[in-house]
Amino acid sequence: MNYIKIPVGCLETNCYLAYSEHTQECAVIDPGADGNKIIDKIERHSLNPVMIINTHGHFDHVGANKDIKEKFRIPLLIHPFDVPMLEMVKQAAALYGIEAEDSPSPDKLIHDGDSIKLGKDSLTVIHSPGHSPGSISLHQDSILFSGDTLFCRGVGRTDVPGGSWETLKNSIKTRLLTLPENTLVLPGHGPKTTIGQERKLNPFIV
């Protein structure tokens, strides 16, 4: 599996195009804003989008769901615990002075342990709550799309509705840091890192 990173919106959310090198089938992970920018990147790389996956329901990760879904007519996937947030995108964004559209309803609910096929590859869903109740990470071989659970030398905020520091810490320590050290971590904001580096250097969890 390969990926393309696209920082979008004023919060610099990392949208990822995760795609099978054999079929060019693509999952659009966290299209948070700038729908036209994401669509342009998909078309420039001749990718075949087959689904949208939200790692959680915060507005900066779902703001372009509608644009991508209407353009490509593809299903939207999210964990059931974060579905209510999709109906409050405009309201949540307005609190930060940002304009956004509410998201379409999901077409499929995903749960811990689900395997999402993408061409000859697959992504495994890891429920990693704490930043939000329905936060997930997506694991494939040596790659982890960690959403806003784990960052390079940081972790997701828990001072938001549904956030819990104890739950987040447990998710990171028992669900993510147990992965091999060489696992590449692709977070929802900021630069990439590895599980090994975060075990040793992340000040919030060492």
Protein backbone atom coordinates (compact mmCIF):
# COMPACT_ATOMS: atom_id res chain seq x y z
CA MET A 1 0.00 0.00 0.00
CA ASN A 2 1.12 3.52 -0.74
CA TYR A 3 -0.21 6.90 0.36
CA ILE A 4 -0.32 10.59 -0.50
CA LYS A 5 -0.53 13.18 2.27
CA ILE A 6 -2.59 16.34 1.67
CA PRO A 7 -2.64 19.01 4.41
CA VAL A 8 -6.03 20.73 4.26
CA GLY A 9 -7.87 23.56 5.97
CA CYS A 10 -6.74 26.23 8.38
CA LEU A 11 -5.94 23.58 11.02
CA GLU A 12 -3.58 21.78 8.63
CA THR A 13 -5.36 18.46 8.92
CA ASN A 14 -3.60 15.61 7.15
CA CYS A 15 -5.90 14.00 4.61
CA TYR A 16 -4.42 10.78 3.23
CA LEU A 17 -5.06 8.98 -0.02
CA ALA A 18 -4.24 5.38 0.85
CA TYR A 19 -4.10 3.32 -2.32
CA SER A 20 -3.24 -0.10 -3.66
CA GLU A 21 -0.28 0.07 -6.02
CA HIS A 22 -1.73 -2.86 -7.98
CA THR A 23 -5.23 -1.51 -8.65
CA GLN A 24 -5.00 2.22 -7.80
CA GLU A 25 -8.08 1.73 -5.59
CA CYS A 26 -8.01 4.51 -3.04
CA ALA A 27 -9.44 5.25 0.39
CA VAL A 28 -9.81 8.94 1.17
CA ILE A 29 -8.94 9.18 4.87
CA ASP A 30 -10.11 12.30 6.73
CA PRO A 31 -11.07 14.76 3.99
CA GLY A 32 -11.27 17.64 6.43
CA ALA A 33 -11.54 20.61 4.06
CA ASP A 34 -10.50 21.85 0.61
CA GLY A 35 -12.50 19.30 -1.34
CA ASN A 36 -11.31 20.61 -4.71
CA LYS A 37 -7.68 20.25 -3.64
CA ILE A 38 -8.26 16.62 -2.69
CA ILE A 39 -10.18 15.88 -5.89
CA ASP A 40 -7.40 17.45 -7.99
CA LYS A 41 -4.78 15.27 -6.30
CA ILE A 42 -6.86 12.13 -6.88
CA GLU A 43 -7.28 12.92 -10.56
CA ARG A 44 -3.64 13.94 -11.10
CA HIS A 45 -2.48 10.57 -9.76
CA SER A 46 -5.16 8.65 -11.69
CA LEU A 47 -6.47 7.05 -8.51
CA ASN A 48 -9.77 5.22 -8.22
CA PRO A 49 -11.47 6.30 -4.99
CA VAL A 50 -13.71 3.62 -3.54
CA MET A 51 -14.46 4.89 -0.02
CA ILE A 52 -14.13 7.72 2.51
CA ILE A 53 -12.95 6.79 6.01
CA ASN A 54 -13.19 9.20 8.94
CA THR A 55 -10.84 8.39 11.81
CA HIS A 56 -13.22 10.42 13.98
CA GLY A 57 -16.03 12.92 13.66
CA HIS A 58 -14.43 16.30 14.44
CA PHE A 59 -15.18 18.99 11.88
CA ASP A 60 -11.59 19.39 10.71
CA HIS A 61 -11.53 15.72 9.64
CA VAL A 62 -14.93 15.50 7.96
CA GLY A 63 -15.50 18.94 6.43
CA ALA A 64 -15.06 17.79 2.81
CA ASN A 65 -16.98 14.51 3.17
CA LYS A 66 -19.85 15.97 1.15
CA ASP A 67 -17.61 17.23 -1.67
CA ILE A 68 -15.80 13.91 -2.07
CA LYS A 69 -18.94 11.80 -1.78
CA GLU A 70 -20.86 13.86 -4.33
CA LYS A 71 -17.96 13.84 -6.80
CA PHE A 72 -17.16 10.12 -6.71
CA ARG A 73 -20.39 8.57 -5.33
CA ILE A 74 -18.50 6.44 -2.83
CA PRO A 75 -19.50 5.16 0.64
CA LEU A 76 -18.60 6.92 3.88
CA LEU A 77 -17.29 4.84 6.79
CA ILE A 78 -16.99 5.85 10.46
CA HIS A 79 -17.18 4.28 13.93
CA PRO A 80 -20.74 4.38 15.32
CA PHE A 81 -19.78 6.33 18.45
CA ASP A 82 -18.86 9.40 16.36
CA VAL A 83 -21.85 9.39 14.00
CA PRO A 84 -23.67 12.15 15.97
CA MET A 85 -20.81 14.57 15.20
CA LEU A 86 -21.50 14.37 11.47
CA GLU A 87 -24.77 16.23 12.00
CA MET A 88 -23.05 19.05 13.92
CA VAL A 89 -20.13 19.91 11.65
CA LYS A 90 -21.34 23.42 10.79
CA GLN A 91 -22.11 24.20 14.44
CA ALA A 92 -18.76 22.85 15.72
CA ALA A 93 -16.73 24.70 13.09
CA ALA A 94 -18.55 27.97 13.83
CA LEU A 95 -17.17 27.88 17.38
CA TYR A 96 -13.73 28.39 15.81
CA GLY A 97 -14.94 30.99 13.32
CA ILE A 98 -14.72 28.49 10.46
CA GLU A 99 -17.34 27.80 7.80
CA ALA A 100 -18.10 24.15 7.07
CA GLU A 101 -20.93 21.98 5.79
CA ASP A 102 -22.56 19.15 7.67
CA SER A 103 -21.51 15.72 6.50
CA PRO A 104 -23.69 13.16 4.76
CA SER A 105 -24.75 10.23 6.92
CA PRO A 106 -22.42 7.23 6.91
CA ASP A 107 -23.05 4.32 4.56
CA LYS A 108 -21.24 1.80 6.72
CA LEU A 109 -20.29 1.63 10.39
CA ILE A 110 -16.89 0.18 11.20
CA HIS A 111 -15.76 -1.50 14.42
CA ASP A 112 -12.61 -2.66 16.15
CA GLY A 113 -10.98 -5.51 14.26
CA ASP A 114 -12.79 -4.93 10.97
CA SER A 115 -10.74 -5.54 7.84
CA ILE A 116 -11.33 -3.03 5.04
CA LYS A 117 -10.31 -4.36 1.64
CA LEU A 118 -8.49 -2.00 -0.70
CA GLY A 119 -7.46 -3.76 -3.88
CA LYS A 120 -5.09 -6.55 -2.86
CA ASP A 121 -4.39 -4.79 0.45
CA SER A 122 -6.49 -4.29 3.57
CA LEU A 123 -6.70 -1.86 6.47
CA THR A 124 -7.43 -3.17 9.97
CA VAL A 125 -9.56 -0.96 12.21
CA ILE A 126 -8.18 -0.31 15.70
CA HIS A 127 -10.67 1.39 18.01
CA SER A 128 -8.53 3.93 19.88
CA PRO A 129 -10.90 6.18 21.86
CA GLY A 130 -9.89 9.06 24.08
CA HIS A 131 -9.71 12.03 21.72
CA SER A 132 -13.29 11.14 20.86
CA PRO A 133 -15.42 8.12 21.75
CA GLY A 134 -15.31 6.73 18.23
CA SER A 135 -11.71 7.50 17.30
CA ILE A 136 -10.05 4.79 15.25
CA SER A 137 -6.62 4.11 13.83
CA LEU A 138 -6.03 2.15 10.62
CA HIS A 139 -3.22 -0.39 10.41
CA GLN A 140 -1.71 -2.05 7.35
CA ASP A 141 1.53 -4.02 7.67
CA SER A 142 4.11 -1.38 8.70
CA ILE A 143 1.83 1.68 8.36
CA LEU A 144 -0.52 3.20 10.95
CA PHE A 145 -2.94 6.03 10.17
CA SER A 146 -3.38 7.25 13.74
CA GLY A 147 -5.91 10.07 13.32
CA ASP A 148 -5.74 12.42 16.31
CA THR A 149 -4.84 9.69 18.80
CA LEU A 150 -1.05 9.76 18.47
CA PHE A 151 1.18 12.49 17.02
CA CYS A 152 4.89 12.97 16.60
CA ARG A 153 5.90 13.78 20.21
CA GLY A 154 2.29 14.48 21.08
CA VAL A 155 -1.15 13.04 21.65
CA GLY A 156 -4.71 14.07 20.85
CA ARG A 157 -6.52 16.67 22.93
CA THR A 158 -8.92 15.42 25.56
CA ASP A 159 -10.36 18.80 26.63
CA VAL A 160 -13.14 18.42 24.06
CA PRO A 161 -16.62 16.89 24.40
CA GLY A 162 -16.26 13.12 24.73
CA GLY A 163 -12.54 13.33 25.40
CA SER A 164 -10.88 11.37 28.20
CA TRP A 165 -7.21 11.45 29.15
CA GLU A 166 -7.27 8.09 30.90
CA THR A 167 -9.03 6.47 27.93
CA LEU A 168 -6.61 8.05 25.45
CA LYS A 169 -3.56 6.96 27.44
CA ASN A 170 -4.88 3.42 27.63
CA SER A 171 -5.60 3.34 23.89
CA ILE A 172 -2.10 4.48 23.03
CA LYS A 173 -0.31 2.16 25.43
CA THR A 174 -2.38 -0.98 24.84
CA ARG A 175 -3.48 -0.63 21.21
CA LEU A 176 -0.80 1.39 19.39
CA LEU A 177 2.53 1.15 21.20
CA THR A 178 2.22 -2.65 21.07
CA LEU A 179 2.81 -2.50 17.31
CA PRO A 180 6.34 -3.15 15.95
CA GLU A 181 8.90 -0.38 16.47
CA ASN A 182 9.37 0.21 12.75
CA THR A 183 5.65 0.93 12.19
CA LEU A 184 5.33 4.24 10.35
CA VAL A 185 2.84 6.51 12.12
CA LEU A 186 0.89 8.90 9.88
CA PRO A 187 -1.01 11.26 12.22
CA GLY A 188 -3.94 13.56 11.64
CA HIS A 189 -1.74 16.64 12.09
CA GLY A 190 1.97 17.28 11.80
CA PRO A 191 4.87 15.13 10.61
CA LYS A 192 5.17 11.39 10.44
CA THR A 193 6.96 9.36 13.10
CA THR A 194 7.40 5.73 14.15
CA ILE A 195 6.12 3.64 17.03
CA GLY A 196 9.71 3.14 18.22
CA GLN A 197 10.41 6.86 18.35
CA GLU A 198 7.22 7.58 20.27
CA ARG A 199 7.94 4.83 22.81
CA LYS A 200 11.24 6.52 23.60
CA LEU A 201 10.62 10.22 23.05
CA ASN A 202 6.95 11.12 23.42
CA PRO A 203 6.82 13.18 26.65
CA PHE A 204 3.14 12.45 27.22
CA ILE A 205 3.46 8.69 27.40
CA VAL A 206 7.03 7.76 28.36
